[in-house]
């Protein structure tokens, strides 16, 4: 997979939608390409990697771990982006991700992301606008759920 393919994959990530191709090329070119063996963890819930990961090839599963029990929440394949909030804000990962097959990923550290934002302010502004749009949509969905619970009749 070449730089052009990685840019196409990044362009499909909602966080990077409508960002200039040249900026995505810088991000992809400067990122670390890494491999993860089947069965190994890409990230663990609660870890502060300060990185985002783009799956270039292979499959993984995302799951939450509570009280020693793992609950699978998603299958992740080519083009999946993991760690949006870790990349942007250094927050801990909310899920664990384990490789189902061998993975090749693009690892984007926060330091690189911030350097691209500093060198290309329009990139940072667009990414921030995309993130705010996504978070705003999530908040609206949560409000609708809360309203549905408020209107629901109690059991029994």
Protein backbone atom coordinates (compact mmCIF):
# COMPACT_ATOMS: atom_id res chain seq x y z
CA UNK A 1 0.00 0.00 0.00
CA UNK A 2 1.40 3.35 -1.01
CA UNK A 3 0.99 6.91 0.14
CA UNK A 4 -1.89 7.52 -2.26
CA UNK A 5 -3.88 4.60 -0.79
CA UNK A 6 -3.21 5.79 2.76
CA UNK A 7 -4.47 9.27 1.87
CA UNK A 8 -7.65 7.73 0.46
CA UNK A 9 -8.16 5.79 3.71
CA UNK A 10 -7.52 8.91 5.83
CA UNK A 11 -9.93 10.92 3.69
CA UNK A 12 -12.70 8.43 4.58
CA UNK A 13 -12.15 8.98 8.33
CA UNK A 14 -14.83 11.46 9.48
CA UNK A 15 -12.26 13.41 11.50
CA UNK A 16 -10.28 14.13 8.33
CA UNK A 17 -13.19 14.55 5.89
CA UNK A 18 -12.81 17.60 3.63
CA UNK A 19 -9.21 18.21 4.72
CA UNK A 20 -6.86 19.14 1.88
CA UNK A 21 -5.14 16.17 0.28
CA UNK A 22 -1.71 17.79 0.66
CA UNK A 23 -2.15 17.89 4.44
CA UNK A 24 -3.20 14.25 4.54
CA UNK A 25 -0.13 13.38 2.46
CA UNK A 26 2.11 15.03 5.06
CA UNK A 27 0.31 13.16 7.85
CA UNK A 28 0.49 9.79 6.08
CA UNK A 29 4.10 10.21 4.94
CA UNK A 30 5.30 11.18 8.42
CA UNK A 31 3.35 8.52 10.32
CA UNK A 32 4.82 5.24 11.48
CA UNK A 33 3.80 2.06 9.68
CA UNK A 34 3.57 -0.83 12.13
CA UNK A 35 2.52 -4.47 12.25
CA UNK A 36 0.52 -6.20 14.96
CA UNK A 37 0.40 -10.01 15.22
CA UNK A 38 -2.92 -11.83 15.43
CA UNK A 39 -3.96 -12.04 19.07
CA UNK A 40 -1.87 -9.04 20.16
CA UNK A 41 -3.37 -5.81 21.42
CA UNK A 42 -3.14 -2.62 19.41
CA UNK A 43 -4.40 -0.59 22.39
CA UNK A 44 -5.73 -1.37 25.85
CA UNK A 45 -8.67 0.32 27.50
CA UNK A 46 -7.42 3.08 29.80
CA UNK A 47 -4.01 3.39 28.13
CA UNK A 48 -2.79 6.87 27.20
CA UNK A 49 -0.98 6.29 23.93
CA UNK A 50 -1.57 9.85 22.65
CA UNK A 51 -1.88 8.27 19.17
CA UNK A 52 -4.47 7.49 16.56
CA UNK A 53 -4.30 4.29 14.53
CA UNK A 54 -5.59 3.66 11.01
CA UNK A 55 -6.03 0.03 9.98
CA UNK A 56 -4.40 -0.40 6.59
CA UNK A 57 -4.82 -4.18 6.35
CA UNK A 58 -6.33 -6.92 8.50
CA UNK A 59 -9.08 -7.13 11.09
CA UNK A 60 -9.40 -6.45 14.80
CA UNK A 61 -12.05 -6.48 17.48
CA UNK A 62 -12.87 -3.65 19.86
CA UNK A 63 -14.20 -4.48 23.30
CA UNK A 64 -14.75 -2.97 26.71
CA UNK A 65 -13.50 -4.59 29.87
CA UNK A 66 -15.45 -4.23 33.10
CA UNK A 67 -15.11 -6.35 36.23
CA UNK A 68 -12.80 -8.73 34.41
CA UNK A 69 -15.34 -9.41 31.64
CA UNK A 70 -14.81 -8.42 28.02
CA UNK A 71 -17.75 -7.33 25.88
CA UNK A 72 -17.13 -7.18 22.14
CA UNK A 73 -18.55 -4.01 20.62
CA UNK A 74 -17.23 -3.94 17.06
CA UNK A 75 -15.23 -5.63 14.36
CA UNK A 76 -12.71 -3.25 12.80
CA UNK A 77 -11.30 -3.65 9.32
CA UNK A 78 -9.40 -1.72 6.67
CA UNK A 79 -10.07 2.01 7.03
CA UNK A 80 -11.14 1.91 10.69
CA UNK A 81 -9.63 4.68 12.81
CA UNK A 82 -8.93 4.03 16.49
CA UNK A 83 -8.08 6.62 19.12
CA UNK A 84 -9.57 9.87 17.86
CA UNK A 85 -9.71 11.43 21.35
CA UNK A 86 -6.32 10.03 22.28
CA UNK A 87 -4.83 11.63 19.16
CA UNK A 88 -6.48 15.02 19.62
CA UNK A 89 -6.57 15.44 23.40
CA UNK A 90 -4.36 12.72 24.88
CA UNK A 91 -7.36 11.08 26.56
CA UNK A 92 -7.14 7.40 27.55
CA UNK A 93 -8.57 4.84 25.15
CA UNK A 94 -12.16 3.90 25.99
CA UNK A 95 -11.87 0.43 24.45
CA UNK A 96 -9.30 -2.30 23.95
CA UNK A 97 -8.47 -3.36 20.40
CA UNK A 98 -7.00 -6.78 19.67
CA UNK A 99 -5.88 -8.06 16.26
CA UNK A 100 -8.03 -10.90 14.90
CA UNK A 101 -5.61 -11.34 12.00
CA UNK A 102 -2.23 -9.77 11.48
CA UNK A 103 -2.67 -6.01 11.12
CA UNK A 104 -0.78 -3.30 9.38
CA UNK A 105 -1.59 0.12 10.78
CA UNK A 106 -0.62 3.73 10.38
CA UNK A 107 0.31 5.12 13.82
CA UNK A 108 -0.22 8.88 14.10
CA UNK A 109 1.28 10.34 17.29
CA UNK A 110 -0.19 13.46 18.88
CA UNK A 111 3.16 15.25 18.42
CA UNK A 112 2.96 14.78 14.64
CA UNK A 113 -0.72 15.74 14.55
CA UNK A 114 0.01 18.94 16.52
CA UNK A 115 2.99 19.77 14.30
CA UNK A 116 0.81 19.49 11.18
CA UNK A 117 -1.83 21.66 12.88
CA UNK A 118 0.82 24.28 13.72
CA UNK A 119 2.31 24.31 10.21
CA UNK A 120 -1.08 24.27 8.48
CA UNK A 121 -3.63 26.12 10.65
CA UNK A 122 -6.39 25.49 8.10
CA UNK A 123 -5.85 21.74 8.64
CA UNK A 124 -6.30 22.15 12.40
CA UNK A 125 -9.38 24.33 11.93
CA UNK A 126 -11.02 21.80 9.60
CA UNK A 127 -10.24 18.84 11.89
CA UNK A 128 -11.64 20.78 14.86
CA UNK A 129 -14.80 21.64 12.89
CA UNK A 130 -15.21 17.96 11.93
CA UNK A 131 -14.72 16.84 15.54
CA UNK A 132 -17.20 19.42 16.86
CA UNK A 133 -19.78 18.41 14.25
CA UNK A 134 -19.44 14.76 15.29
CA UNK A 135 -19.60 15.51 19.02
CA UNK A 136 -22.58 17.80 18.51
CA UNK A 137 -24.41 15.01 16.66
CA UNK A 138 -23.62 12.59 19.48
CA UNK A 139 -24.94 15.03 22.07
CA UNK A 140 -28.17 15.44 20.10
CA UNK A 141 -28.59 11.66 19.98
CA UNK A 142 -28.02 11.40 23.74
CA UNK A 143 -30.61 14.12 24.33
CA UNK A 144 -33.18 12.17 22.27
CA UNK A 145 -32.45 9.03 24.29
CA UNK A 146 -32.82 10.97 27.55
CA UNK A 147 -36.16 12.37 26.38
CA UNK A 148 -37.36 8.87 25.47
CA UNK A 149 -36.44 7.62 28.96
CA UNK A 150 -38.18 10.60 30.55
CA UNK A 151 -41.38 9.81 28.59
CA UNK A 152 -41.26 6.07 29.25
CA UNK A 153 -43.67 4.68 31.82
CA UNK A 154 -42.15 2.86 34.79
CA UNK A 155 -42.25 -0.92 34.89
CA UNK A 156 -44.96 -2.63 36.98
